[in-house]
Amino acid sequence: MNMLNLSENILRLRRERKITQEELADFAGVTKASVSKWESGGSLS
């Protein structure tokens, strides 16, 4: 069974859509630091 790799998916999809971490953060209502942590696998909350 394939493991879901959320951090890689977030990064890949953000890059495919050509948006910045800041733009994603604004859309999600979180800080840019949160998006950075999501993409590095440091935090998923």
PDB file of N, CA and C in Angstrom:
ATOM      1  N   MET A   1       0.840  -1.187   0.000  1.00  0.00           N
ATOM      2  CA  MET A   1       0.000   0.000   0.000  1.00  0.00           C
ATOM      3  C   MET A   1       0.878   1.240   0.000  1.00  0.00           C
ATOM      4  N   ASN A   2       0.520   2.227  -0.804  1.00  0.00           N
ATOM      5  CA  ASN A   2       1.290   3.466  -0.872  1.00  0.00           C
ATOM      6  C   ASN A   2       0.981   4.352   0.331  1.00  0.00           C
ATOM      7  N   MET A   3       2.028   4.938   0.884  1.00  0.00           N
ATOM      8  CA  MET A   3       1.860   5.874   1.994  1.00  0.00           C
ATOM      9  C   MET A   3       1.528   7.254   1.431  1.00  0.00           C
ATOM     10  N   LEU A   4       0.608   7.924   2.072  1.00  0.00           N
ATOM     11  CA  LEU A   4       0.267   9.288   1.696  1.00  0.00           C
ATOM     12  C   LEU A   4       1.358  10.206   2.210  1.00  0.00           C
ATOM     13  N   ASN A   5       2.001  10.931   1.322  1.00  0.00           N
ATOM     14  CA  ASN A   5       3.036  11.853   1.733  1.00  0.00           C
ATOM     15  C   ASN A   5       2.506  13.266   1.557  1.00  0.00           C
ATOM     16  N   LEU A   6       1.852  13.744   2.596  1.00  0.00           N
ATOM     17  CA  LEU A   6       1.159  15.024   2.536  1.00  0.00           C
ATOM     18  C   LEU A   6       2.106  16.179   2.247  1.00  0.00           C
ATOM     19  N   SER A   7       3.260  16.198   2.890  1.00  0.00           N
ATOM     20  CA  SER A   7       4.182  17.325   2.688  1.00  0.00           C
ATOM     21  C   SER A   7       4.642  17.417   1.235  1.00  0.00           C
ATOM     22  N   GLU A   8       4.952  16.283   0.604  1.00  0.00           N
ATOM     23  CA  GLU A   8       5.363  16.300  -0.801  1.00  0.00           C
ATOM     24  C   GLU A   8       4.208  16.719  -1.706  1.00  0.00           C
ATOM     25  N   ASN A   9       2.996  16.272  -1.388  1.00  0.00           N
ATOM     26  CA  ASN A   9       1.834  16.645  -2.199  1.00  0.00           C
ATOM     27  C   ASN A   9       1.544  18.135  -2.123  1.00  0.00           C
ATOM     28  N   ILE A  10       1.629  18.706  -0.926  1.00  0.00           N
ATOM     29  CA  ILE A  10       1.390  20.143  -0.774  1.00  0.00           C
ATOM     30  C   ILE A  10       2.395  20.929  -1.614  1.00  0.00           C
ATOM     31  N   LEU A  11       3.667  20.572  -1.489  1.00  0.00           N
ATOM     32  CA  LEU A  11       4.716  21.265  -2.231  1.00  0.00           C
ATOM     33  C   LEU A  11       4.524  21.110  -3.737  1.00  0.00           C
ATOM     34  N   ARG A  12       4.272  19.894  -4.197  1.00  0.00           N
ATOM     35  CA  ARG A  12       4.111  19.634  -5.628  1.00  0.00           C
ATOM     36  C   ARG A  12       2.916  20.401  -6.192  1.00  0.00           C
ATOM     37  N   LEU A  13       1.792  20.331  -5.510  1.00  0.00           N
ATOM     38  CA  LEU A  13       0.589  21.009  -6.011  1.00  0.00           C
ATOM     39  C   LEU A  13       0.742  22.526  -5.987  1.00  0.00           C
ATOM     40  N   ARG A  14       1.400  23.048  -4.958  1.00  0.00           N
ATOM     41  CA  ARG A  14       1.613  24.499  -4.895  1.00  0.00           C
ATOM     42  C   ARG A  14       2.482  24.947  -6.064  1.00  0.00           C
ATOM     43  N   ARG A  15       3.522  24.188  -6.350  1.00  0.00           N
ATOM     44  CA  ARG A  15       4.408  24.550  -7.468  1.00  0.00           C
ATOM     45  C   ARG A  15       3.708  24.401  -8.814  1.00  0.00           C
ATOM     46  N   GLU A  16       2.896  23.347  -8.975  1.00  0.00           N
ATOM     47  CA  GLU A  16       2.149  23.169 -10.228  1.00  0.00           C
ATOM     48  C   GLU A  16       1.233  24.346 -10.494  1.00  0.00           C
ATOM     49  N   ARG A  17       0.682  24.899  -9.450  1.00  0.00           N
ATOM     50  CA  ARG A  17      -0.249  26.020  -9.589  1.00  0.00           C
ATOM     51  C   ARG A  17       0.461  27.374  -9.584  1.00  0.00           C
ATOM     52  N   LYS A  18       1.782  27.321  -9.414  1.00  0.00           N
ATOM     53  CA  LYS A  18       2.624  28.525  -9.458  1.00  0.00           C
ATOM     54  C   LYS A  18       2.165  29.578  -8.450  1.00  0.00           C
ATOM     55  N   ILE A  19       1.936  29.127  -7.204  1.00  0.00           N
ATOM     56  CA  ILE A  19       1.613  30.076  -6.144  1.00  0.00           C
ATOM     57  C   ILE A  19       2.696  30.011  -5.070  1.00  0.00           C
ATOM     58  N   THR A  20       2.865  31.105  -4.375  1.00  0.00           N
ATOM     59  CA  THR A  20       3.877  31.186  -3.328  1.00  0.00           C
ATOM     60  C   THR A  20       3.347  30.596  -2.017  1.00  0.00           C
ATOM     61  N   GLN A  21       4.270  30.349  -1.112  1.00  0.00           N
ATOM     62  CA  GLN A  21       3.862  29.900   0.215  1.00  0.00           C
ATOM     63  C   GLN A  21       2.972  30.947   0.866  1.00  0.00           C
ATOM     64  N   GLU A  22       3.291  32.201   0.661  1.00  0.00           N
ATOM     65  CA  GLU A  22       2.497  33.281   1.241  1.00  0.00           C
ATOM     66  C   GLU A  22       1.069  33.294   0.683  1.00  0.00           C
ATOM     67  N   GLU A  23       0.936  33.082  -0.622  1.00  0.00           N
ATOM     68  CA  GLU A  23      -0.402  33.039  -1.229  1.00  0.00           C
ATOM     69  C   GLU A  23      -1.207  31.859  -0.685  1.00  0.00           C
ATOM     70  N   LEU A  24      -0.578  30.713  -0.548  1.00  0.00           N
ATOM     71  CA  LEU A  24      -1.260  29.549   0.010  1.00  0.00           C
ATOM     72  C   LEU A  24      -1.653  29.798   1.461  1.00  0.00           C
ATOM     73  N   ALA A  25      -0.751  30.414   2.208  1.00  0.00           N
ATOM     74  CA  ALA A  25      -1.037  30.731   3.610  1.00  0.00           C
ATOM     75  C   ALA A  25      -2.233  31.668   3.732  1.00  0.00           C
ATOM     76  N   ASP A  26      -2.278  32.702   2.902  1.00  0.00           N
ATOM     77  CA  ASP A  26      -3.407  33.640   2.924  1.00  0.00           C
ATOM     78  C   ASP A  26      -4.710  32.916   2.615  1.00  0.00           C
ATOM     79  N   PHE A  27      -4.683  32.043   1.612  1.00  0.00           N
ATOM     80  CA  PHE A  27      -5.875  31.302   1.227  1.00  0.00           C
ATOM     81  C   PHE A  27      -6.343  30.373   2.355  1.00  0.00           C
ATOM     82  N   ALA A  28      -5.392  29.732   3.033  1.00  0.00           N
ATOM     83  CA  ALA A  28      -5.722  28.767   4.084  1.00  0.00           C
ATOM     84  C   ALA A  28      -5.970  29.430   5.439  1.00  0.00           C
ATOM     85  N   GLY A  29      -5.648  30.716   5.550  1.00  0.00           N
ATOM     86  CA  GLY A  29      -5.849  31.426   6.811  1.00  0.00           C
ATOM     87  C   GLY A  29      -4.819  31.082   7.868  1.00  0.00           C
ATOM     88  N   VAL A  30      -3.602  30.793   7.414  1.00  0.00           N
ATOM     89  CA  VAL A  30      -2.503  30.467   8.324  1.00  0.00           C
ATOM     90  C   VAL A  30      -1.303  31.339   7.983  1.00  0.00           C
ATOM     91  N   THR A  31      -0.221  31.166   8.727  1.00  0.00           N
ATOM     92  CA  THR A  31       0.991  31.933   8.450  1.00  0.00           C
ATOM     93  C   THR A  31       1.845  31.234   7.396  1.00  0.00           C
ATOM     94  N   LYS A  32       2.727  32.013   6.792  1.00  0.00           N
ATOM     95  CA  LYS A  32       3.673  31.454   5.821  1.00  0.00           C
ATOM     96  C   LYS A  32       4.551  30.408   6.492  1.00  0.00           C
ATOM     97  N   ALA A  33       4.887  30.639   7.766  1.00  0.00           N
ATOM     98  CA  ALA A  33       5.709  29.679   8.507  1.00  0.00           C
ATOM     99  C   ALA A  33       4.997  28.327   8.624  1.00  0.00           C
ATOM    100  N   SER A  34       3.677  28.345   8.772  1.00  0.00           N
ATOM    101  CA  SER A  34       2.913  27.096   8.845  1.00  0.00           C
ATOM    102  C   SER A  34       3.021  26.321   7.543  1.00  0.00           C
ATOM    103  N   VAL A  35       2.885  27.008   6.427  1.00  0.00           N
ATOM    104  CA  VAL A  35       2.994  26.351   5.124  1.00  0.00           C
ATOM    105  C   VAL A  35       4.388  25.764   4.961  1.00  0.00           C
ATOM    106  N   SER A  36       5.390  26.501   5.361  1.00  0.00           N
ATOM    107  CA  SER A  36       6.768  26.013   5.280  1.00  0.00           C
ATOM    108  C   SER A  36       6.945  24.734   6.099  1.00  0.00           C
ATOM    109  N   LYS A  37       6.372  24.712   7.282  1.00  0.00           N
ATOM    110  CA  LYS A  37       6.454  23.521   8.138  1.00  0.00           C
ATOM    111  C   LYS A  37       5.705  22.345   7.521  1.00  0.00           C
ATOM    112  N   TRP A  38       4.547  22.621   6.907  1.00  0.00           N
ATOM    113  CA  TRP A  38       3.803  21.551   6.245  1.00  0.00           C
ATOM    114  C   TRP A  38       4.659  20.917   5.148  1.00  0.00           C
ATOM    115  N   GLU A  39       5.294  21.782   4.336  1.00  0.00           N
ATOM    116  CA  GLU A  39       6.064  21.283   3.200  1.00  0.00           C
ATOM    117  C   GLU A  39       7.340  20.557   3.628  1.00  0.00           C
ATOM    118  N   SER A  40       7.879  20.924   4.769  1.00  0.00           N
ATOM    119  CA  SER A  40       9.098  20.253   5.245  1.00  0.00           C
ATOM    120  C   SER A  40       8.785  19.025   6.096  1.00  0.00           C
ATOM    121  N   GLY A  41       7.497  18.811   6.356  1.00  0.00           N
ATOM    122  CA  GLY A  41       7.101  17.678   7.175  1.00  0.00           C
ATOM    123  C   GLY A  41       7.249  17.929   8.649  1.00  0.00           C
ATOM    124  N   GLY A  42       7.493  19.193   9.034  1.00  0.00           N
ATOM    125  CA  GLY A  42       7.701  19.538  10.429  1.00  0.00           C
ATOM    126  C   GLY A  42       6.427  19.610  11.240  1.00  0.00           C
ATOM    127  N   SER A  43       5.301  19.879  10.570  1.00  0.00           N
ATOM    128  CA  SER A  43       4.038  20.009  11.283  1.00  0.00           C
ATOM    129  C   SER A  43       2.903  19.857  10.292  1.00  0.00           C
ATOM    130  N   LEU A  44       1.831  19.218  10.717  1.00  0.00           N
ATOM    131  CA  LEU A  44       0.664  19.086   9.854  1.00  0.00           C
ATOM    132  C   LEU A  44      -0.563  19.722  10.466  1.00  0.00           C
ATOM    133  N   SER A  45      -0.352  20.520  11.539  1.00  0.00           N
ATOM    134  CA  SER A  45      -1.500  21.159  12.177  1.00  0.00           C
ATOM    135  C   SER A  45      -1.487  22.651  11.982  1.00  0.00           C
TER     136      SER A  45
END
